[in-house]
C-alpha cells in the first residue's frame, strides 16, 4: 500500500510539472511570441504530454521495464481518454447539473487523476 501511495504522489507531482510546462510555454508563445491562444495551447499541451510521459516513465513508474513501443501509444491513449472524460464531466457538471465550472473542473480533475493513474500503472507502464 505504501508503494502505491508513493507512486500516486509521484503521479500527481508529475501532472503538476506537466501542467506548469504547458502553461509556461503557452504564456511565452502568447505574450512574447504573439501567437494566438489556441495554437499556443496545443503547443503547450504537447510539451506537457512529453514532460508527463518522461517523468512517469523514469520516476513515477520506474522499474517497470516496458519498451517505448508499448508504453508510448498506451500512454497517449490514456491521455486522450482522460481529456475526453474531463470534458464530459465538466459539461455534465455545468450544463446538466448547473454547477459552477470550477467545482465541475475540480471533480473532473480528481476523477481523471485517479483513473489515469490506475490505467497508466496497470496498462501503459506494465
C-alpha atoms as a PDB file:
ATOM      1  CA  UNK A   1       0.000   0.000   0.000  1.00  0.00           C
ATOM      2  CA  UNK A   2       2.847   2.360   0.810  1.00  0.00           C
ATOM      3  CA  UNK A   3       4.393   1.840  -2.620  1.00  0.00           C
ATOM      4  CA  UNK A   4       1.055   2.662  -4.252  1.00  0.00           C
ATOM      5  CA  UNK A   5       0.741   5.879  -2.259  1.00  0.00           C
ATOM      6  CA  UNK A   6       4.292   6.903  -3.190  1.00  0.00           C
ATOM      7  CA  UNK A   7       3.678   6.307  -6.882  1.00  0.00           C
ATOM      8  CA  UNK A   8       0.309   8.129  -6.689  1.00  0.00           C
ATOM      9  CA  UNK A   9       2.063  11.111  -5.102  1.00  0.00           C
ATOM     10  CA  UNK A  10       4.712  10.989  -7.840  1.00  0.00           C
ATOM     11  CA  UNK A  11       1.994  10.766 -10.494  1.00  0.00           C
ATOM     12  CA  UNK A  12       0.315  13.837  -9.026  1.00  0.00           C
ATOM     13  CA  UNK A  13       3.611  15.756  -8.873  1.00  0.00           C
ATOM     14  CA  UNK A  14       4.356  14.751 -12.450  1.00  0.00           C
ATOM     15  CA  UNK A  15       0.960  16.088 -13.510  1.00  0.00           C
ATOM     16  CA  UNK A  16       1.781  19.367 -11.786  1.00  0.00           C
ATOM     17  CA  UNK A  17       5.098  19.623 -13.612  1.00  0.00           C
ATOM     18  CA  UNK A  18       3.450  18.804 -16.930  1.00  0.00           C
ATOM     19  CA  UNK A  19       0.741  21.401 -16.351  1.00  0.00           C
ATOM     20  CA  UNK A  20       3.294  24.032 -15.346  1.00  0.00           C
ATOM     21  CA  UNK A  21       5.323  23.392 -18.503  1.00  0.00           C
ATOM     22  CA  UNK A  22       2.144  23.583 -20.611  1.00  0.00           C
ATOM     23  CA  UNK A  23       1.135  26.933 -19.118  1.00  0.00           C
ATOM     24  CA  UNK A  24       4.671  28.347 -19.246  1.00  0.00           C
ATOM     25  CA  UNK A  25       5.115  27.592 -22.939  1.00  0.00           C
ATOM     26  CA  UNK A  26       1.621  28.794 -23.761  1.00  0.00           C
ATOM     27  CA  UNK A  27       2.181  32.067 -21.905  1.00  0.00           C
ATOM     28  CA  UNK A  28       5.547  32.612 -23.580  1.00  0.00           C
ATOM     29  CA  UNK A  29       4.138  31.980 -27.030  1.00  0.00           C
ATOM     30  CA  UNK A  30       1.117  34.237 -26.483  1.00  0.00           C
ATOM     31  CA  UNK A  31       2.879  37.062 -24.656  1.00  0.00           C
ATOM     32  CA  UNK A  32       6.323  37.095 -26.255  1.00  0.00           C
ATOM     33  CA  UNK A  33       5.683  35.260 -29.492  1.00  0.00           C
ATOM     34  CA  UNK A  34       2.369  36.906 -30.343  1.00  0.00           C
ATOM     35  CA  UNK A  35       0.785  33.519 -31.092  1.00  0.00           C
ATOM     36  CA  UNK A  36      -2.989  33.068 -30.967  1.00  0.00           C
ATOM     37  CA  UNK A  37      -4.093  31.326 -27.756  1.00  0.00           C
ATOM     38  CA  UNK A  38      -5.439  28.190 -29.474  1.00  0.00           C
ATOM     39  CA  UNK A  39      -2.243  27.109 -31.244  1.00  0.00           C
ATOM     40  CA  UNK A  40      -0.201  28.175 -28.223  1.00  0.00           C
ATOM     41  CA  UNK A  41      -2.324  25.925 -26.023  1.00  0.00           C
ATOM     42  CA  UNK A  42      -1.795  22.995 -28.390  1.00  0.00           C
ATOM     43  CA  UNK A  43       1.977  23.565 -28.295  1.00  0.00           C
ATOM     44  CA  UNK A  44       1.860  23.810 -24.508  1.00  0.00           C
ATOM     45  CA  UNK A  45      -0.232  20.662 -24.171  1.00  0.00           C
ATOM     46  CA  UNK A  46       2.208  18.821 -26.424  1.00  0.00           C
ATOM     47  CA  UNK A  47       5.118  19.870 -24.215  1.00  0.00           C
ATOM     48  CA  UNK A  48       3.103  18.891 -21.144  1.00  0.00           C
ATOM     49  CA  UNK A  49       2.479  15.432 -22.577  1.00  0.00           C
ATOM     50  CA  UNK A  50       6.201  14.973 -23.291  1.00  0.00           C
ATOM     51  CA  UNK A  51       7.064  16.035 -19.730  1.00  0.00           C
ATOM     52  CA  UNK A  52       4.381  13.753 -18.263  1.00  0.00           C
ATOM     53  CA  UNK A  53       5.479  10.757 -20.311  1.00  0.00           C
ATOM     54  CA  UNK A  54       9.153  11.242 -19.494  1.00  0.00           C
ATOM     55  CA  UNK A  55       8.641  11.718 -15.764  1.00  0.00           C
ATOM     56  CA  UNK A  56       6.106   8.903 -15.481  1.00  0.00           C
ATOM     57  CA  UNK A  57       8.402   6.532 -17.320  1.00  0.00           C
ATOM     58  CA  UNK A  58      11.573   7.420 -15.409  1.00  0.00           C
ATOM     59  CA  UNK A  59      10.267   8.417 -11.973  1.00  0.00           C
ATOM     60  CA  UNK A  60       6.653   7.533 -11.205  1.00  0.00           C
ATOM     61  CA  UNK A  61       6.728   4.021 -12.655  1.00  0.00           C
ATOM     62  CA  UNK A  62      10.497   3.474 -12.650  1.00  0.00           C
ATOM     63  CA  UNK A  63      11.448  -0.160 -12.508  1.00  0.00           C
ATOM     64  CA  UNK A  64       8.563  -1.289 -14.686  1.00  0.00           C
ATOM     65  CA  UNK A  65      10.670  -2.111 -17.719  1.00  0.00           C
ATOM     66  CA  UNK A  66       8.383  -1.527 -20.669  1.00  0.00           C
ATOM     67  CA  UNK A  67       9.543  -0.551 -24.140  1.00  0.00           C
ATOM     68  CA  UNK A  68       8.670   2.849 -25.569  1.00  0.00           C
ATOM     69  CA  UNK A  69       6.995   0.992 -28.417  1.00  0.00           C
ATOM     70  CA  UNK A  70       4.475  -0.408 -25.921  1.00  0.00           C
ATOM     71  CA  UNK A  71       4.291   2.371 -23.319  1.00  0.00           C
ATOM     72  CA  UNK A  72       4.031   5.469 -25.520  1.00  0.00           C
ATOM     73  CA  UNK A  73       0.907   4.548 -27.531  1.00  0.00           C
ATOM     74  CA  UNK A  74      -0.785   3.307 -24.379  1.00  0.00           C
ATOM     75  CA  UNK A  75       0.143   6.490 -22.512  1.00  0.00           C
ATOM     76  CA  UNK A  76      -1.241   8.602 -25.362  1.00  0.00           C
ATOM     77  CA  UNK A  77      -4.469   6.577 -25.386  1.00  0.00           C
ATOM     78  CA  UNK A  78      -4.895   7.113 -21.638  1.00  0.00           C
ATOM     79  CA  UNK A  79      -4.156  10.846 -22.019  1.00  0.00           C
ATOM     80  CA  UNK A  80      -6.661  11.165 -24.858  1.00  0.00           C
ATOM     81  CA  UNK A  81      -9.327   9.284 -22.944  1.00  0.00           C
ATOM     82  CA  UNK A  82      -8.610  11.433 -19.896  1.00  0.00           C
ATOM     83  CA  UNK A  83      -9.083  14.624 -21.906  1.00  0.00           C
ATOM     84  CA  UNK A  84     -12.394  13.320 -23.258  1.00  0.00           C
ATOM     85  CA  UNK A  85     -13.648  12.229 -19.828  1.00  0.00           C
ATOM     86  CA  UNK A  86     -12.546  15.556 -18.357  1.00  0.00           C
ATOM     87  CA  UNK A  87     -14.541  17.469 -20.951  1.00  0.00           C
ATOM     88  CA  UNK A  88     -17.603  15.294 -20.491  1.00  0.00           C
ATOM     89  CA  UNK A  89     -17.537  15.619 -16.709  1.00  0.00           C
ATOM     90  CA  UNK A  90     -17.135  19.395 -16.853  1.00  0.00           C
ATOM     91  CA  UNK A  91     -20.005  19.599 -19.355  1.00  0.00           C
ATOM     92  CA  UNK A  92     -22.188  17.348 -17.202  1.00  0.00           C
ATOM     93  CA  UNK A  93     -21.428  19.330 -14.075  1.00  0.00           C
ATOM     94  CA  UNK A  94     -22.089  22.705 -15.637  1.00  0.00           C
ATOM     95  CA  UNK A  95     -24.767  22.125 -18.283  1.00  0.00           C
ATOM     96  CA  UNK A  96     -26.678  19.198 -16.798  1.00  0.00           C
ATOM     97  CA  UNK A  97     -26.291  19.847 -13.065  1.00  0.00           C
ATOM     98  CA  UNK A  98     -25.851  23.617 -13.050  1.00  0.00           C
ATOM     99  CA  UNK A  99     -22.622  23.585 -11.032  1.00  0.00           C
ATOM    100  CA  UNK A 100     -20.065  26.367 -11.178  1.00  0.00           C
ATOM    101  CA  UNK A 101     -17.385  25.485 -13.749  1.00  0.00           C
ATOM    102  CA  UNK A 102     -14.629  25.493 -11.125  1.00  0.00           C
ATOM    103  CA  UNK A 103     -16.374  22.877  -8.982  1.00  0.00           C
ATOM    104  CA  UNK A 104     -17.066  20.734 -12.029  1.00  0.00           C
ATOM    105  CA  UNK A 105     -13.432  21.019 -13.115  1.00  0.00           C
ATOM    106  CA  UNK A 106     -12.151  20.131  -9.640  1.00  0.00           C
ATOM    107  CA  UNK A 107     -14.256  16.967  -9.569  1.00  0.00           C
ATOM    108  CA  UNK A 108     -13.232  16.092 -13.126  1.00  0.00           C
ATOM    109  CA  UNK A 109      -9.559  16.625 -12.299  1.00  0.00           C
ATOM    110  CA  UNK A 110      -9.753  14.285  -9.319  1.00  0.00           C
ATOM    111  CA  UNK A 111     -11.609  11.618 -11.300  1.00  0.00           C
ATOM    112  CA  UNK A 112      -9.212  11.793 -14.256  1.00  0.00           C
ATOM    113  CA  UNK A 113      -6.168  11.828 -11.957  1.00  0.00           C
ATOM    114  CA  UNK A 114      -7.233   8.625 -10.197  1.00  0.00           C
ATOM    115  CA  UNK A 115      -8.412   6.837 -13.337  1.00  0.00           C
ATOM    116  CA  UNK A 116      -5.318   7.929 -15.282  1.00  0.00           C
ATOM    117  CA  UNK A 117      -3.044   6.740 -12.504  1.00  0.00           C
ATOM    118  CA  UNK A 118      -4.714   3.320 -12.430  1.00  0.00           C
ATOM    119  CA  UNK A 119      -4.645   2.970 -16.222  1.00  0.00           C
ATOM    120  CA  UNK A 120      -1.034   4.076 -16.571  1.00  0.00           C
ATOM    121  CA  UNK A 121       0.145   1.970 -13.632  1.00  0.00           C
ATOM    122  CA  UNK A 122      -1.675  -1.185 -14.714  1.00  0.00           C
ATOM    123  CA  UNK A 123      -1.525  -0.863 -18.503  1.00  0.00           C
ATOM    124  CA  UNK A 124       0.734   1.810 -20.000  1.00  0.00           C
ATOM    125  CA  UNK A 125       3.831   1.127 -17.946  1.00  0.00           C
ATOM    126  CA  UNK A 126       3.357  -2.538 -17.000  1.00  0.00           C
END
